[in-house]
Amino acid sequence: MKFSVSAALFSFAGFVSASTVVSRQSCPQATRFGVMTVSPTTVKAGDTIHISVDLTCGVKNFKIIPKFIDYTIEVPSNANNGFQPPIVLARRTIPAGALSDSFTTTIPHGYYVANSPYNVVLTNIHNIDGTDGSPVLVEGGVLEPIKIIV
């Protein structure tokens, strides 16, 4: 049996490629920016809310390493008057190597519209390599619906 370096490298590349495909299949693309949990989901201004996010899928399978995570309350497009700006709950810096984030905050006394839908939006701000290899900050996000009682 003749051993060749190119055959070994080709086999290794196939293994790495196959394992990347399998790990990404077990990690849906929709979760690449984080899997967020919000509790409780029915609140009023002044109530405490707990937010946690699991970043494992994006970090380990898509190499999405958050530099910052912004958490906001937003009105879905085409809902209520459409003129409510996002309300910032927090901007968090994620420690190197962290696979999660968790915190408790208070729902601000903002101007909310009765019977209107709202979302807690997580915006994952992370670097990608630019065309010359330099870092470029981009963002992606996920959301969880909440009900704000007015």
N, C-alpha and C. Protein backbone atom coordinates (compact mmCIF):
# COMPACT_ATOMS: atom_id res chain seq x y z
N MET A 1 0.84 -1.17 0.00
CA MET A 1 0.00 0.00 0.00
C MET A 1 0.89 1.23 0.00
N LYS A 2 0.64 2.12 -0.91
CA LYS A 2 1.44 3.31 -1.06
C LYS A 2 0.72 4.48 -0.38
N PHE A 3 1.44 5.18 0.48
CA PHE A 3 0.88 6.32 1.21
C PHE A 3 1.33 7.60 0.52
N SER A 4 0.38 8.48 0.28
CA SER A 4 0.77 9.76 -0.31
C SER A 4 0.24 10.88 0.58
N VAL A 5 1.03 11.93 0.68
CA VAL A 5 0.65 13.08 1.49
C VAL A 5 -0.62 13.72 0.94
N SER A 6 -0.72 13.84 -0.37
CA SER A 6 -1.90 14.48 -0.94
C SER A 6 -3.17 13.68 -0.64
N ALA A 7 -3.08 12.36 -0.66
CA ALA A 7 -4.25 11.54 -0.34
C ALA A 7 -4.64 11.72 1.12
N ALA A 8 -3.65 11.80 2.00
CA ALA A 8 -3.93 12.00 3.42
C ALA A 8 -4.57 13.37 3.66
N LEU A 9 -4.05 14.39 3.02
CA LEU A 9 -4.62 15.73 3.17
C LEU A 9 -6.04 15.80 2.62
N PHE A 10 -6.25 15.13 1.48
CA PHE A 10 -7.58 15.10 0.88
C PHE A 10 -8.57 14.41 1.83
N SER A 11 -8.15 13.30 2.44
CA SER A 11 -9.01 12.58 3.38
C SER A 11 -9.31 13.43 4.60
N PHE A 12 -8.28 14.11 5.13
CA PHE A 12 -8.46 14.97 6.29
C PHE A 12 -9.40 16.13 5.96
N ALA A 13 -9.23 16.74 4.78
CA ALA A 13 -10.09 17.85 4.37
C ALA A 13 -11.54 17.38 4.26
N GLY A 14 -11.74 16.18 3.74
CA GLY A 14 -13.10 15.63 3.65
C GLY A 14 -13.71 15.42 5.02
N PHE A 15 -12.89 14.92 5.96
CA PHE A 15 -13.36 14.71 7.33
C PHE A 15 -13.74 16.04 7.97
N VAL A 16 -12.87 17.04 7.86
CA VAL A 16 -13.14 18.35 8.45
C VAL A 16 -14.38 18.96 7.84
N SER A 17 -14.50 18.88 6.51
CA SER A 17 -15.66 19.42 5.83
C SER A 17 -16.93 18.72 6.28
N ALA A 18 -16.90 17.40 6.36
CA ALA A 18 -18.07 16.63 6.78
C ALA A 18 -18.45 16.95 8.22
N SER A 19 -17.44 17.08 9.11
CA SER A 19 -17.77 17.36 10.51
C SER A 19 -18.33 18.78 10.65
N THR A 20 -17.87 19.72 9.83
CA THR A 20 -18.42 21.08 9.86
C THR A 20 -19.87 21.06 9.41
N VAL A 21 -20.17 20.31 8.37
CA VAL A 21 -21.54 20.22 7.87
C VAL A 21 -22.44 19.60 8.94
N VAL A 22 -21.99 18.52 9.57
CA VAL A 22 -22.80 17.86 10.60
C VAL A 22 -23.03 18.80 11.78
N SER A 23 -21.98 19.50 12.25
CA SER A 23 -22.17 20.39 13.40
C SER A 23 -23.09 21.55 13.05
N ARG A 24 -23.00 22.08 11.84
CA ARG A 24 -23.88 23.18 11.46
C ARG A 24 -25.32 22.69 11.29
N GLN A 25 -25.50 21.44 10.86
CA GLN A 25 -26.86 20.92 10.73
C GLN A 25 -27.51 20.77 12.10
N SER A 26 -26.71 20.46 13.13
CA SER A 26 -27.27 20.33 14.48
C SER A 26 -27.45 21.69 15.13
N CYS A 27 -27.05 22.73 14.43
CA CYS A 27 -27.13 24.10 14.93
C CYS A 27 -27.80 24.93 13.85
N PRO A 28 -29.14 25.10 13.91
CA PRO A 28 -29.85 25.81 12.85
C PRO A 28 -29.32 27.23 12.64
N GLN A 29 -29.29 27.64 11.40
CA GLN A 29 -28.77 28.96 11.07
C GLN A 29 -29.51 30.06 11.81
N ALA A 30 -30.77 29.86 12.11
CA ALA A 30 -31.55 30.88 12.82
C ALA A 30 -31.02 31.12 14.23
N THR A 31 -30.25 30.18 14.77
CA THR A 31 -29.72 30.34 16.13
C THR A 31 -28.26 30.82 16.14
N ARG A 32 -27.72 31.17 15.01
CA ARG A 32 -26.30 31.51 14.95
C ARG A 32 -25.95 32.79 15.71
N PHE A 33 -26.92 33.69 15.94
CA PHE A 33 -26.66 34.92 16.67
C PHE A 33 -26.98 34.79 18.15
N GLY A 34 -27.57 33.67 18.55
CA GLY A 34 -27.87 33.42 19.95
C GLY A 34 -29.27 32.86 20.12
N VAL A 35 -29.45 32.12 21.19
CA VAL A 35 -30.75 31.59 21.56
C VAL A 35 -31.15 32.34 22.83
N MET A 36 -32.12 33.23 22.69
CA MET A 36 -32.49 34.13 23.78
C MET A 36 -33.73 33.63 24.52
N THR A 37 -33.70 33.83 25.84
CA THR A 37 -34.83 33.54 26.70
C THR A 37 -35.16 34.80 27.49
N VAL A 38 -36.43 35.17 27.49
CA VAL A 38 -36.90 36.36 28.21
C VAL A 38 -37.96 35.91 29.21
N SER A 39 -37.84 36.38 30.46
CA SER A 39 -38.80 35.97 31.48
C SER A 39 -39.00 37.10 32.49
N PRO A 40 -40.23 37.44 32.77
CA PRO A 40 -41.48 37.00 32.17
C PRO A 40 -41.69 37.66 30.80
N THR A 41 -42.68 37.19 30.07
CA THR A 41 -42.97 37.75 28.74
C THR A 41 -44.16 38.70 28.75
N THR A 42 -44.84 38.81 29.86
CA THR A 42 -45.89 39.83 30.03
C THR A 42 -45.45 40.73 31.17
N VAL A 43 -45.25 42.02 30.86
CA VAL A 43 -44.69 42.96 31.82
C VAL A 43 -45.38 44.31 31.70
N LYS A 44 -45.07 45.19 32.65
CA LYS A 44 -45.47 46.59 32.56
C LYS A 44 -44.25 47.42 32.94
N ALA A 45 -44.28 48.71 32.64
CA ALA A 45 -43.16 49.58 32.96
C ALA A 45 -42.85 49.48 34.45
N GLY A 46 -41.58 49.38 34.78
CA GLY A 46 -41.14 49.25 36.16
C GLY A 46 -40.92 47.81 36.60
N ASP A 47 -41.45 46.84 35.85
CA ASP A 47 -41.25 45.42 36.19
C ASP A 47 -39.82 45.00 35.87
N THR A 48 -39.39 43.98 36.61
CA THR A 48 -38.08 43.38 36.37
C THR A 48 -38.22 42.30 35.32
N ILE A 49 -37.23 42.22 34.44
CA ILE A 49 -37.21 41.21 33.37
C ILE A 49 -35.82 40.57 33.35
N HIS A 50 -35.78 39.27 33.17
CA HIS A 50 -34.51 38.54 33.09
C HIS A 50 -34.29 38.08 31.65
N ILE A 51 -33.11 38.36 31.13
CA ILE A 51 -32.76 37.97 29.76
C ILE A 51 -31.50 37.13 29.80
N SER A 52 -31.53 36.00 29.11
CA SER A 52 -30.33 35.18 28.97
C SER A 52 -30.21 34.74 27.52
N VAL A 53 -28.97 34.54 27.10
CA VAL A 53 -28.72 34.11 25.73
C VAL A 53 -27.62 33.06 25.73
N ASP A 54 -27.85 32.01 24.96
CA ASP A 54 -26.86 30.96 24.74
C ASP A 54 -26.20 31.23 23.39
N LEU A 55 -24.89 31.45 23.40
CA LEU A 55 -24.14 31.79 22.19
C LEU A 55 -23.37 30.61 21.63
N THR A 56 -23.52 29.44 22.21
CA THR A 56 -22.71 28.27 21.86
C THR A 56 -22.75 27.94 20.37
N CYS A 57 -23.94 27.88 19.80
CA CYS A 57 -24.09 27.50 18.39
C CYS A 57 -23.28 28.42 17.47
N GLY A 58 -23.48 29.72 17.62
CA GLY A 58 -22.80 30.67 16.75
C GLY A 58 -21.30 30.68 16.93
N VAL A 59 -20.84 30.62 18.18
CA VAL A 59 -19.40 30.66 18.45
C VAL A 59 -18.73 29.40 17.94
N LYS A 60 -19.26 28.24 18.30
CA LYS A 60 -18.58 26.98 17.97
C LYS A 60 -18.76 26.54 16.53
N ASN A 61 -19.91 26.83 15.92
CA ASN A 61 -20.18 26.30 14.59
C ASN A 61 -20.09 27.32 13.46
N PHE A 62 -20.27 28.60 13.78
CA PHE A 62 -20.23 29.62 12.74
C PHE A 62 -19.12 30.64 12.98
N LYS A 63 -18.37 30.47 14.08
CA LYS A 63 -17.27 31.39 14.43
C LYS A 63 -17.76 32.83 14.58
N ILE A 64 -18.99 33.00 15.07
CA ILE A 64 -19.54 34.33 15.34
C ILE A 64 -19.23 34.64 16.80
N ILE A 65 -18.18 35.44 17.00
CA ILE A 65 -17.71 35.80 18.33
C ILE A 65 -18.21 37.22 18.63
N PRO A 66 -19.20 37.38 19.51
CA PRO A 66 -19.75 38.71 19.76
C PRO A 66 -18.72 39.67 20.36
N LYS A 67 -18.70 40.87 19.85
CA LYS A 67 -17.91 41.95 20.45
C LYS A 67 -18.80 42.71 21.42
N PHE A 68 -20.04 42.96 21.00
CA PHE A 68 -21.07 43.58 21.84
C PHE A 68 -22.38 42.87 21.56
N ILE A 69 -23.28 42.95 22.53
CA ILE A 69 -24.66 42.54 22.30
C ILE A 69 -25.54 43.68 22.78
N ASP A 70 -26.41 44.16 21.89
CA ASP A 70 -27.39 45.18 22.24
C ASP A 70 -28.73 44.50 22.46
N TYR A 71 -29.42 44.94 23.51
CA TYR A 71 -30.75 44.44 23.82
C TYR A 71 -31.70 45.63 23.77
N THR A 72 -32.75 45.54 22.96
CA THR A 72 -33.69 46.64 22.82
C THR A 72 -35.12 46.12 22.85
N ILE A 73 -36.05 47.03 23.14
CA ILE A 73 -37.48 46.75 22.98
C ILE A 73 -37.88 47.47 21.70
N GLU A 74 -38.47 46.73 20.77
CA GLU A 74 -38.84 47.31 19.48
C GLU A 74 -40.25 46.92 19.09
N VAL A 75 -40.85 47.79 18.30
CA VAL A 75 -42.17 47.53 17.73
C VAL A 75 -41.95 46.79 16.40
N PRO A 76 -42.65 45.68 16.17
CA PRO A 76 -42.52 45.02 14.88
C PRO A 76 -42.91 45.96 13.74
N SER A 77 -42.29 45.82 12.60
CA SER A 77 -42.64 46.69 11.47
C SER A 77 -44.12 46.53 11.14
N ASN A 78 -44.73 47.61 10.73
CA ASN A 78 -46.15 47.68 10.38
C ASN A 78 -47.09 47.49 11.57
N ALA A 79 -46.57 47.70 12.80
CA ALA A 79 -47.43 47.60 13.99
C ALA A 79 -47.66 48.98 14.57
N ASN A 80 -48.70 49.16 15.26
CA ASN A 80 -49.20 50.40 15.86
C ASN A 80 -48.85 51.62 15.02
N ASN A 81 -48.34 52.67 15.61
CA ASN A 81 -48.16 53.90 14.83
C ASN A 81 -46.88 53.93 14.00
N GLY A 82 -45.97 52.97 14.24
CA GLY A 82 -44.75 52.89 13.45
C GLY A 82 -43.72 53.96 13.75
N PHE A 83 -43.96 54.80 14.76
CA PHE A 83 -43.03 55.89 15.06
C PHE A 83 -42.31 55.73 16.39
N GLN A 84 -42.39 54.57 16.99
CA GLN A 84 -41.71 54.36 18.26
C GLN A 84 -40.27 53.93 18.01
N PRO A 85 -39.30 54.71 18.50
CA PRO A 85 -37.91 54.29 18.35
C PRO A 85 -37.61 53.13 19.30
N PRO A 86 -36.61 52.32 18.97
CA PRO A 86 -36.23 51.24 19.89
C PRO A 86 -35.83 51.81 21.25
N ILE A 87 -36.17 51.09 22.30
CA ILE A 87 -35.79 51.45 23.66
C ILE A 87 -34.65 50.53 24.06
N VAL A 88 -33.52 51.11 24.40
CA VAL A 88 -32.33 50.33 24.72
C VAL A 88 -32.42 49.81 26.16
N LEU A 89 -32.33 48.49 26.30
CA LEU A 89 -32.30 47.87 27.62
C LEU A 89 -30.86 47.74 28.12
N ALA A 90 -29.94 47.39 27.21
CA ALA A 90 -28.54 47.21 27.61
C ALA A 90 -27.66 47.05 26.38
N ARG A 91 -26.40 47.47 26.52
CA ARG A 91 -25.33 47.12 25.59
C ARG A 91 -24.27 46.43 26.43
N ARG A 92 -24.00 45.19 26.08
CA ARG A 92 -23.10 44.38 26.90
C ARG A 92 -21.88 43.96 26.10
N THR A 93 -20.74 44.01 26.76
CA THR A 93 -19.50 43.51 26.18
C THR A 93 -19.33 42.08 26.68
N ILE A 94 -19.09 41.18 25.75
CA ILE A 94 -19.01 39.76 26.11
C ILE A 94 -17.55 39.39 26.36
N PRO A 95 -17.22 38.81 27.51
CA PRO A 95 -15.84 38.42 27.79
C PRO A 95 -15.33 37.37 26.80
N ALA A 96 -14.05 37.42 26.50
CA ALA A 96 -13.44 36.45 25.59
C ALA A 96 -13.73 35.03 26.08
N GLY A 97 -14.16 34.18 25.17
CA GLY A 97 -14.43 32.79 25.49
C GLY A 97 -15.81 32.51 26.07
N ALA A 98 -16.58 33.54 26.36
CA ALA A 98 -17.91 33.34 26.94
C ALA A 98 -18.87 32.73 25.92
N LEU A 99 -19.70 31.83 26.37
CA LEU A 99 -20.69 31.19 25.50
C LEU A 99 -22.12 31.56 25.90
N SER A 100 -22.24 32.53 26.82
CA SER A 100 -23.57 32.94 27.24
C SER A 100 -23.52 34.35 27.83
N ASP A 101 -24.69 34.93 27.97
CA ASP A 101 -24.85 36.21 28.65
C ASP A 101 -26.18 36.15 29.39
N SER A 102 -26.23 36.82 30.53
CA SER A 102 -27.44 36.79 31.34
C SER A 102 -27.46 38.02 32.24
N PHE A 103 -28.62 38.65 32.35
CA PHE A 103 -28.75 39.81 33.23
C PHE A 103 -30.22 40.07 33.53
N THR A 104 -30.43 40.88 34.55
CA THR A 104 -31.76 41.31 34.95
C THR A 104 -31.81 42.82 34.84
N THR A 105 -32.92 43.34 34.33
CA THR A 105 -33.08 44.78 34.18
C THR A 105 -34.54 45.14 34.43
N THR A 106 -34.81 46.42 34.40
CA THR A 106 -36.17 46.93 34.61
C THR A 106 -36.73 47.46 33.30
N ILE A 107 -38.00 47.19 33.05
CA ILE A 107 -38.65 47.75 31.86
C ILE A 107 -38.77 49.25 32.07
N PRO A 108 -38.17 50.05 31.18
CA PRO A 108 -38.21 51.51 31.35
C PRO A 108 -39.64 52.06 31.23
N HIS A 109 -39.85 53.22 31.81
CA HIS A 109 -41.14 53.90 31.74
C HIS A 109 -41.19 54.70 30.43
N GLY A 110 -41.20 53.95 29.33
CA GLY A 110 -41.26 54.58 28.01
C GLY A 110 -42.71 54.78 27.60
N TYR A 111 -42.88 55.24 26.39
CA TYR A 111 -44.22 55.46 25.84
C TYR A 111 -44.63 54.23 25.06
N TYR A 112 -45.53 53.44 25.61
CA TYR A 112 -45.99 52.22 24.98
C TYR A 112 -47.44 52.41 24.54
N VAL A 113 -47.80 51.74 23.47
CA VAL A 113 -49.16 51.81 22.93
C VAL A 113 -49.93 50.58 23.41
N ALA A 114 -51.10 50.82 23.97
CA ALA A 114 -51.93 49.72 24.48
C ALA A 114 -52.25 48.73 23.37
N ASN A 115 -52.26 47.47 23.74
CA ASN A 115 -52.60 46.36 22.84
C ASN A 115 -51.69 46.28 21.61
N SER A 116 -50.49 46.76 21.72
CA SER A 116 -49.54 46.71 20.61
C SER A 116 -48.50 45.62 20.87
N PRO A 117 -48.05 44.95 19.81
CA PRO A 117 -47.00 43.94 20.00
C PRO A 117 -45.63 44.61 20.17
N TYR A 118 -44.78 43.96 20.94
CA TYR A 118 -43.40 44.40 21.13
C TYR A 118 -42.48 43.18 21.08
N ASN A 119 -41.21 43.43 20.80
CA ASN A 119 -40.19 42.39 20.81
C ASN A 119 -39.00 42.84 21.63
N VAL A 120 -38.38 41.92 22.34
CA VAL A 120 -37.05 42.15 22.86
C VAL A 120 -36.12 41.66 21.75
N VAL A 121 -35.27 42.56 21.27
CA VAL A 121 -34.39 42.24 20.14
C VAL A 121 -32.95 42.17 20.64
N LEU A 122 -32.28 41.09 20.30
CA LEU A 122 -30.86 40.91 20.58
C LEU A 122 -30.11 41.20 19.29
N THR A 123 -29.18 42.14 19.31
CA THR A 123 -28.35 42.43 18.14
C THR A 123 -26.92 42.03 18.48
N ASN A 124 -26.43 41.01 17.79
CA ASN A 124 -25.09 40.47 18.00
C ASN A 124 -24.14 41.20 17.05
N ILE A 125 -23.25 42.01 17.60
CA ILE A 125 -22.30 42.79 16.81
C ILE A 125 -20.96 42.05 16.87
N HIS A 126 -20.48 41.63 15.70
CA HIS A 126 -19.28 40.78 15.65
C HIS A 126 -18.43 41.12 14.41
N ASN A 127 -17.19 40.69 14.44
CA ASN A 127 -16.27 40.94 13.33
C ASN A 127 -16.32 39.82 12.30
N ILE A 128 -16.16 40.22 11.05
CA ILE A 128 -15.87 39.28 9.97
C ILE A 128 -14.61 39.81 9.28
N ASP A 129 -13.98 38.98 8.48
CA ASP A 129 -12.82 39.42 7.72
C ASP A 129 -13.27 40.18 6.49
N GLY A 130 -12.72 41.39 6.32
CA GLY A 130 -13.01 42.18 5.13
C GLY A 130 -12.28 41.63 3.92
N THR A 131 -12.45 42.26 2.78
CA THR A 131 -11.84 41.78 1.54
C THR A 131 -10.32 41.78 1.59
N ASP A 132 -9.74 42.63 2.45
CA ASP A 132 -8.28 42.64 2.60
C ASP A 132 -7.83 41.94 3.88
N GLY A 133 -8.75 41.24 4.56
CA GLY A 133 -8.42 40.53 5.78
C GLY A 133 -8.60 41.36 7.05
N SER A 134 -8.88 42.65 6.89
CA SER A 134 -9.07 43.50 8.07
C SER A 134 -10.45 43.25 8.66
N PRO A 135 -10.62 43.48 9.98
CA PRO A 135 -11.92 43.23 10.62
C PRO A 135 -12.98 44.25 10.20
N VAL A 136 -14.19 43.75 10.00
CA VAL A 136 -15.35 44.58 9.67
C VAL A 136 -16.45 44.21 10.66
N LEU A 137 -16.99 45.19 11.37
CA LEU A 137 -18.09 44.92 12.31
C LEU A 137 -19.40 44.79 11.54
N VAL A 138 -20.11 43.70 11.80
CA VAL A 138 -21.43 43.47 11.21
C VAL A 138 -22.37 43.07 12.35
N GLU A 139 -23.65 43.03 12.03
CA GLU A 139 -24.60 42.65 13.06
C GLU A 139 -25.65 41.70 12.52
N GLY A 140 -26.17 40.89 13.41
CA GLY A 140 -27.28 40.01 13.12
C GLY A 140 -28.06 39.86 14.41
N GLY A 141 -29.27 39.38 14.33
CA GLY A 141 -30.03 39.33 15.56
C GLY A 141 -31.16 38.35 15.58
N VAL A 142 -31.74 38.24 16.76
CA VAL A 142 -32.92 37.41 17.01
C VAL A 142 -33.86 38.21 17.89
N LEU A 143 -35.10 37.76 17.99
CA LEU A 143 -36.07 38.47 18.82
C LEU A 143 -36.98 37.51 19.53
N GLU A 144 -37.54 38.02 20.62
CA GLU A 144 -38.55 37.29 21.39
C GLU A 144 -39.71 38.23 21.63
N PRO A 145 -40.94 37.82 21.29
CA PRO A 145 -42.10 38.69 21.53
C PRO A 145 -42.39 38.83 23.02
N ILE A 146 -42.81 40.02 23.41
CA ILE A 146 -43.27 40.28 24.77
C ILE A 146 -44.55 41.10 24.72
N LYS A 147 -45.27 41.07 25.81
CA LYS A 147 -46.49 41.90 25.92
C LYS A 147 -46.23 42.92 27.01
N ILE A 148 -46.41 44.19 26.68
CA ILE A 148 -46.25 45.26 27.66
C ILE A 148 -47.63 45.80 27.98
N ILE A 149 -48.04 45.65 29.22
CA ILE A 149 -49.35 46.10 29.67
C ILE A 149 -49.26 47.60 29.93
N VAL A 150 -50.17 48.36 29.31
CA VAL A 150 -50.19 49.81 29.47
C VAL A 150 -51.35 50.19 30.37
